[in-house]
C-alpha atoms as a PDB file:
ATOM      1  CA  MET A   1       0.000   0.000   0.000  1.00  0.00           C
ATOM      2  CA  GLN A   2       1.340   3.426  -1.007  1.00  0.00           C
ATOM      3  CA  ASN A   3       1.670   6.182   1.610  1.00  0.00           C
ATOM      4  CA  ASN A   4      -0.608   9.074   0.528  1.00  0.00           C
ATOM      5  CA  ASN A   5       0.154  11.319   3.501  1.00  0.00           C
ATOM      6  CA  PRO A   6       1.136  14.841   2.489  1.00  0.00           C
ATOM      7  CA  THR A   7       4.475  16.303   3.527  1.00  0.00           C
ATOM      8  CA  PRO A   8       3.920  18.499   6.589  1.00  0.00           C
ATOM      9  CA  PRO A   9       5.173  22.088   6.620  1.00  0.00           C
ATOM     10  CA  ASN A  10       8.542  22.583   8.340  1.00  0.00           C
ATOM     11  CA  VAL A  11       7.010  25.066  10.794  1.00  0.00           C
ATOM     12  CA  LEU A  12       4.925  22.349  12.490  1.00  0.00           C
ATOM     13  CA  PRO A  13       6.569  20.601  15.445  1.00  0.00           C
ATOM     14  CA  SER A  14       7.051  16.865  14.832  1.00  0.00           C
ATOM     15  CA  SER A  15       4.915  16.078  17.902  1.00  0.00           C
ATOM     16  CA  MET A  16       1.994  17.976  16.339  1.00  0.00           C
ATOM     17  CA  VAL A  17       2.472  16.210  12.992  1.00  0.00           C
ATOM     18  CA  ALA A  18       2.438  12.838  14.754  1.00  0.00           C
ATOM     19  CA  GLU A  19      -0.688  13.753  16.722  1.00  0.00           C
ATOM     20  CA  LEU A  20      -2.557  15.033  13.647  1.00  0.00           C
ATOM     21  CA  SER A  21      -1.699  11.954  11.594  1.00  0.00           C
ATOM     22  CA  GLN A  22      -3.390   9.756  14.227  1.00  0.00           C
ATOM     23  CA  LEU A  23      -6.719  11.617  14.175  1.00  0.00           C
ATOM     24  CA  ASP A  24      -9.840  10.253  12.498  1.00  0.00           C
ATOM     25  CA  ASP A  25     -11.679  12.253   9.822  1.00  0.00           C
ATOM     26  CA  GLU A  26     -14.161  13.842  12.243  1.00  0.00           C
ATOM     27  CA  SER A  27     -11.395  15.012  14.563  1.00  0.00           C
ATOM     28  CA  LEU A  28      -9.360  16.412  11.641  1.00  0.00           C
ATOM     29  CA  ARG A  29     -12.394  18.418  10.509  1.00  0.00           C
ATOM     30  CA  ALA A  30     -12.776  19.742  14.051  1.00  0.00           C
ATOM     31  CA  VAL A  31      -9.104  20.783  14.028  1.00  0.00           C
ATOM     32  CA  LEU A  32      -9.644  22.573  10.696  1.00  0.00           C
ATOM     33  CA  ASP A  33     -12.716  24.400  12.027  1.00  0.00           C
ATOM     34  CA  TYR A  34     -10.857  25.415  15.168  1.00  0.00           C
ATOM     35  CA  GLY A  35      -7.825  26.569  13.187  1.00  0.00           C
ATOM     36  CA  GLN A  36     -10.032  28.628  10.868  1.00  0.00           C
ATOM     37  CA  ALA A  37     -11.791  30.174  13.873  1.00  0.00           C
ATOM     38  CA  LEU A  38      -8.399  31.084  15.365  1.00  0.00           C
ATOM     39  CA  LEU A  39      -7.302  32.715  12.124  1.00  0.00           C
ATOM     40  CA  ASN A  40     -10.575  34.613  11.837  1.00  0.00           C
ATOM     41  CA  SER A  41     -10.178  35.870  15.395  1.00  0.00           C
ATOM     42  CA  ARG A  42      -6.798  37.316  14.438  1.00  0.00           C
ATOM     43  CA  ILE A  43      -7.822  38.655  11.044  1.00  0.00           C
ATOM     44  CA  ASP A  44     -11.134  40.477  11.143  1.00  0.00           C
ATOM     45  CA  PRO A  45     -12.672  39.934   7.692  1.00  0.00           C
ATOM     46  CA  ALA A  46     -15.623  42.147   8.597  1.00  0.00           C
ATOM     47  CA  SER A  47     -13.327  45.171   8.772  1.00  0.00           C
ATOM     48  CA  ARG A  48     -12.256  44.510   5.161  1.00  0.00           C
ATOM     49  CA  ILE A  49     -15.730  43.966   3.697  1.00  0.00           C
ATOM     50  CA  GLU A  50     -16.879  46.901   1.639  1.00  0.00           C
ATOM     51  CA  ALA A  51     -19.746  47.445  -0.745  1.00  0.00           C
ATOM     52  CA  GLY A  52     -18.692  47.244  -4.365  1.00  0.00           C
ATOM     53  CA  PRO A  53     -19.988  49.473  -7.127  1.00  0.00           C
ATOM     54  CA  ASN A  54     -23.815  49.492  -7.146  1.00  0.00           C
ATOM     55  CA  GLU A  55     -23.989  47.387  -3.955  1.00  0.00           C
ATOM     56  CA  GLU A  56     -25.476  48.025  -0.525  1.00  0.00           C
ATOM     57  CA  ILE A  57     -24.331  46.034   2.516  1.00  0.00           C
ATOM     58  CA  VAL A  58     -27.444  45.232   4.561  1.00  0.00           C
ATOM     59  CA  SER A  59     -25.739  43.340   7.405  1.00  0.00           C
ATOM     60  CA  ILE A  60     -22.462  41.769   8.480  1.00  0.00           C
ATOM     61  CA  GLU A  61     -22.317  39.160  11.264  1.00  0.00           C
ATOM     62  CA  ASP A  62     -19.279  37.283  12.570  1.00  0.00           C
ATOM     63  CA  HIS A  63     -19.755  33.542  13.230  1.00  0.00           C
ATOM     64  CA  GLY A  64     -16.202  32.561  14.185  1.00  0.00           C
ATOM     65  CA  THR A  65     -15.380  30.309  11.219  1.00  0.00           C
ATOM     66  CA  HIS A  66     -16.967  32.704   8.722  1.00  0.00           C
ATOM     67  CA  THR A  67     -18.743  36.033   8.420  1.00  0.00           C
ATOM     68  CA  THR A  68     -22.218  36.284   6.917  1.00  0.00           C
ATOM     69  CA  VAL A  69     -22.889  39.218   4.633  1.00  0.00           C
ATOM     70  CA  VAL A  70     -26.287  40.215   3.292  1.00  0.00           C
ATOM     71  CA  LYS A  71     -26.251  42.658   0.393  1.00  0.00           C
ATOM     72  CA  ARG A  72     -28.403  44.155  -2.343  1.00  0.00           C
ATOM     73  CA  GLN A  73     -27.128  45.180  -5.743  1.00  0.00           C
ATOM     74  CA  ASP A  74     -28.152  47.121  -8.818  1.00  0.00           C
ATOM     75  CA  CYS A  75     -27.590  45.426 -12.161  1.00  0.00           C
ATOM     76  CA  ALA A  76     -27.942  48.231 -14.724  1.00  0.00           C
ATOM     77  CA  ASP A  77     -29.413  51.639 -15.313  1.00  0.00           C
ATOM     78  CA  GLY A  78     -33.073  51.435 -16.217  1.00  0.00           C
ATOM     79  CA  CYS A  79     -33.815  48.129 -14.465  1.00  0.00           C
ATOM     80  CA  ASP A  80     -37.252  48.480 -12.886  1.00  0.00           C
ATOM     81  CA  GLU A  81     -36.550  45.717 -10.358  1.00  0.00           C
ATOM     82  CA  CYS A  82     -33.310  47.148  -8.887  1.00  0.00           C
ATOM     83  CA  PRO A  83     -31.950  46.755  -6.356  1.00  0.00           C
ATOM     84  CA  HIS A  84     -31.857  42.966  -6.430  1.00  0.00           C
ATOM     85  CA  GLY A  85     -31.601  40.759  -3.384  1.00  0.00           C
ATOM     86  CA  PRO A  86     -30.968  40.705  -0.604  1.00  0.00           C
ATOM     87  CA  TYR A  87     -28.436  37.917  -1.103  1.00  0.00           C
ATOM     88  CA  LEU A  88     -26.586  35.948   1.589  1.00  0.00           C
ATOM     89  CA  TYR A  89     -22.853  35.209   1.381  1.00  0.00           C
ATOM     90  CA  HIS A  90     -20.395  33.416   3.659  1.00  0.00           C
ATOM     91  CA  VAL A  91     -17.064  35.236   3.695  1.00  0.00           C
ATOM     92  CA  ARG A  92     -13.805  34.125   5.219  1.00  0.00           C
ATOM     93  CA  SER A  93     -10.218  35.264   5.039  1.00  0.00           C
ATOM     94  CA  GLU A  94      -7.828  32.931   3.231  1.00  0.00           C
ATOM     95  CA  ARG A  95      -4.057  33.060   3.387  1.00  0.00           C
ATOM     96  CA  TYR A  96      -2.225  31.946   0.263  1.00  0.00           C
ATOM     97  CA  VAL A  97       1.147  30.191   0.197  1.00  0.00           C
ATOM     98  CA  THR A  98       2.633  33.543  -0.853  1.00  0.00           C
ATOM     99  CA  GLY A  99       1.545  34.955   2.524  1.00  0.00           C
ATOM    100  CA  GLU A 100      -1.051  37.231   0.953  1.00  0.00           C
ATOM    101  CA  GLU A 101      -4.578  37.234   2.337  1.00  0.00           C
ATOM    102  CA  ASP A 102      -7.817  37.696   0.471  1.00  0.00           C
ATOM    103  CA  LEU A 103     -11.514  37.359   1.186  1.00  0.00           C
ATOM    104  CA  HIS A 104     -13.223  34.250  -0.167  1.00  0.00           C
ATOM    105  CA  TRP A 105     -16.942  34.827  -0.885  1.00  0.00           C
ATOM    106  CA  VAL A 106     -19.401  31.932  -1.173  1.00  0.00           C
ATOM    107  CA  TYR A 107     -22.885  32.731  -2.476  1.00  0.00           C
ATOM    108  CA  ILE A 108     -25.489  30.976  -0.327  1.00  0.00           C
ATOM    109  CA  GLY A 109     -28.734  32.270  -1.872  1.00  0.00           C
ATOM    110  CA  LYS A 110     -31.441  34.851  -1.840  1.00  0.00           C
ATOM    111  CA  VAL A 111     -32.675  35.920   1.589  1.00  0.00           C
ATOM    112  CA  VAL A 112     -36.363  35.155   1.978  1.00  0.00           C
ATOM    113  CA  ASP A 113     -38.407  37.419   4.215  1.00  0.00           C
ATOM    114  CA  GLU A 114     -40.322  35.016   6.485  1.00  0.00           C
ATOM    115  CA  CYS A 115     -42.982  37.672   7.159  1.00  0.00           C
ATOM    116  CA  THR A 116     -44.155  37.574   3.542  1.00  0.00           C
ATOM    117  CA  SER A 117     -44.137  33.794   3.069  1.00  0.00           C
END
């Protein structure tokens, strides 16, 4: 059987590498969630979220592992249905191997007003 384990980064202590390699899938996912929450606590993505052209930020809420953003947006001049939305996004800060950080936006869907349903 071939060893498919990835090569750990040099910055990780060997004791941590050994411990992580012994974890089951559920525990590894928990470690990932915790690590992402730690990063988010150090890098406040909400402070970097800004409305783009023709957008309105309705709300921003921190959830530890991600930030939820609700926004409306205009599509074009003359559209009778503008602004569109509101739309829900999950946003989190991602650090690239280059050391640069950027916001990763995931579209969740249109926000439905429960009062009108």
